Amino acid sequence: MPPAPDDVVGLREWTVVLDRSDEVEKVRERLGAAGLAVEDREHGFAA
């Protein structure tokens, strides 16, 4: 996602909460397939 222009308010980060571990894995796979670096965290991952 490209940086927002200086005169625009936007989100710098957000959290996605998923109930099932298979949903978490699907999101992790899609992020990796899109070329984003995925970093393991204590309760999930960050990209």
N, C-alpha and C. Protein backbone atom coordinates (compact mmCIF):
# COMPACT_ATOMS: atom_id res chain seq x y z
N MET A 1 0.85 -1.15 0.00
CA MET A 1 0.00 0.00 0.00
C MET A 1 0.91 1.23 0.00
N PRO A 2 0.73 2.13 -0.92
CA PRO A 2 1.59 3.32 -0.98
C PRO A 2 1.28 4.27 0.18
N PRO A 3 2.25 5.10 0.54
CA PRO A 3 2.01 6.08 1.60
C PRO A 3 0.91 7.06 1.21
N ALA A 4 0.17 7.51 2.21
CA ALA A 4 -0.88 8.50 1.96
C ALA A 4 -0.25 9.86 1.72
N PRO A 5 -0.86 10.69 0.89
CA PRO A 5 -0.36 12.05 0.71
C PRO A 5 -0.34 12.81 2.05
N ASP A 6 0.49 13.83 2.15
CA ASP A 6 0.64 14.57 3.40
C ASP A 6 -0.66 15.20 3.90
N ASP A 7 -1.55 15.56 3.00
CA ASP A 7 -2.78 16.24 3.40
C ASP A 7 -3.96 15.29 3.62
N VAL A 8 -3.68 14.00 3.78
CA VAL A 8 -4.74 13.01 3.95
C VAL A 8 -4.55 12.28 5.27
N VAL A 9 -5.64 12.08 5.99
CA VAL A 9 -5.61 11.30 7.22
C VAL A 9 -5.87 9.85 6.86
N GLY A 10 -5.12 8.94 7.46
CA GLY A 10 -5.31 7.53 7.16
C GLY A 10 -4.84 6.65 8.30
N LEU A 11 -4.94 5.36 8.13
CA LEU A 11 -4.49 4.40 9.13
C LEU A 11 -3.05 4.02 8.87
N ARG A 12 -2.24 4.01 9.90
CA ARG A 12 -0.86 3.54 9.77
C ARG A 12 -0.76 2.05 10.05
N GLU A 13 -1.64 1.56 10.87
CA GLU A 13 -1.68 0.12 11.16
C GLU A 13 -3.10 -0.25 11.56
N TRP A 14 -3.39 -1.53 11.47
CA TRP A 14 -4.70 -2.03 11.87
C TRP A 14 -4.54 -3.47 12.29
N THR A 15 -5.55 -3.98 12.96
CA THR A 15 -5.55 -5.35 13.47
C THR A 15 -6.73 -6.10 12.86
N VAL A 16 -6.45 -7.31 12.41
CA VAL A 16 -7.50 -8.19 11.91
C VAL A 16 -7.60 -9.34 12.91
N VAL A 17 -8.78 -9.58 13.44
CA VAL A 17 -9.00 -10.66 14.40
C VAL A 17 -9.80 -11.76 13.73
N LEU A 18 -9.24 -12.96 13.72
CA LEU A 18 -9.90 -14.11 13.10
C LEU A 18 -10.13 -15.17 14.17
N ASP A 19 -11.24 -15.87 14.08
CA ASP A 19 -11.62 -16.85 15.09
C ASP A 19 -10.93 -18.21 14.94
N ARG A 20 -10.62 -18.58 13.71
CA ARG A 20 -10.11 -19.94 13.48
C ARG A 20 -8.70 -19.90 12.93
N SER A 21 -7.89 -20.89 13.35
CA SER A 21 -6.50 -20.94 12.91
C SER A 21 -6.38 -21.14 11.41
N ASP A 22 -7.34 -21.84 10.77
CA ASP A 22 -7.25 -22.02 9.32
C ASP A 22 -7.46 -20.69 8.60
N GLU A 23 -8.28 -19.81 9.16
CA GLU A 23 -8.45 -18.48 8.57
C GLU A 23 -7.16 -17.68 8.68
N VAL A 24 -6.50 -17.79 9.82
CA VAL A 24 -5.23 -17.09 10.03
C VAL A 24 -4.21 -17.55 8.99
N GLU A 25 -4.12 -18.85 8.77
CA GLU A 25 -3.16 -19.39 7.80
C GLU A 25 -3.47 -18.92 6.38
N LYS A 26 -4.74 -18.84 6.02
CA LYS A 26 -5.12 -18.37 4.69
C LYS A 26 -4.67 -16.92 4.48
N VAL A 27 -4.87 -16.09 5.49
CA VAL A 27 -4.44 -14.69 5.38
C VAL A 27 -2.93 -14.61 5.29
N ARG A 28 -2.23 -15.38 6.12
CA ARG A 28 -0.76 -15.40 6.09
C ARG A 28 -0.26 -15.80 4.70
N GLU A 29 -0.85 -16.83 4.11
CA GLU A 29 -0.46 -17.29 2.78
C GLU A 29 -0.71 -16.22 1.72
N ARG A 30 -1.85 -15.55 1.79
CA ARG A 30 -2.17 -14.52 0.80
C ARG A 30 -1.21 -13.34 0.90
N LEU A 31 -0.84 -12.96 2.11
CA LEU A 31 0.11 -11.86 2.28
C LEU A 31 1.48 -12.25 1.72
N GLY A 32 1.91 -13.48 2.00
CA GLY A 32 3.18 -13.95 1.46
C GLY A 32 3.16 -14.02 -0.05
N ALA A 33 2.05 -14.48 -0.62
CA ALA A 33 1.91 -14.56 -2.08
C ALA A 33 1.93 -13.18 -2.72
N ALA A 34 1.50 -12.17 -1.97
CA ALA A 34 1.50 -10.80 -2.48
C ALA A 34 2.86 -10.14 -2.33
N GLY A 35 3.83 -10.88 -1.76
CA GLY A 35 5.18 -10.36 -1.65
C GLY A 35 5.48 -9.59 -0.37
N LEU A 36 4.56 -9.62 0.58
CA LEU A 36 4.79 -8.93 1.85
C LEU A 36 5.60 -9.82 2.79
N ALA A 37 6.47 -9.20 3.57
CA ALA A 37 7.21 -9.93 4.59
C ALA A 37 6.26 -10.21 5.75
N VAL A 38 6.25 -11.46 6.22
CA VAL A 38 5.39 -11.86 7.32
C VAL A 38 6.28 -12.24 8.50
N GLU A 39 6.04 -11.62 9.64
CA GLU A 39 6.85 -11.83 10.84
C GLU A 39 6.00 -12.47 11.93
N ASP A 40 6.46 -13.59 12.49
CA ASP A 40 5.72 -14.24 13.57
C ASP A 40 5.71 -13.36 14.80
N ARG A 41 4.59 -13.34 15.48
CA ARG A 41 4.41 -12.62 16.75
C ARG A 41 3.82 -13.59 17.77
N GLU A 42 3.78 -13.18 19.02
CA GLU A 42 3.32 -14.06 20.10
C GLU A 42 1.92 -14.63 19.84
N HIS A 43 1.00 -13.82 19.39
CA HIS A 43 -0.37 -14.29 19.18
C HIS A 43 -0.79 -14.22 17.72
N GLY A 44 0.16 -14.43 16.81
CA GLY A 44 -0.18 -14.39 15.39
C GLY A 44 1.00 -13.97 14.55
N PHE A 45 0.82 -12.96 13.71
CA PHE A 45 1.88 -12.48 12.84
C PHE A 45 1.65 -11.03 12.48
N ALA A 46 2.68 -10.41 11.94
CA ALA A 46 2.60 -9.03 11.45
C ALA A 46 3.14 -9.01 10.03
N ALA A 47 2.59 -8.12 9.22
CA ALA A 47 3.06 -8.00 7.83
C ALA A 47 3.25 -6.54 7.50
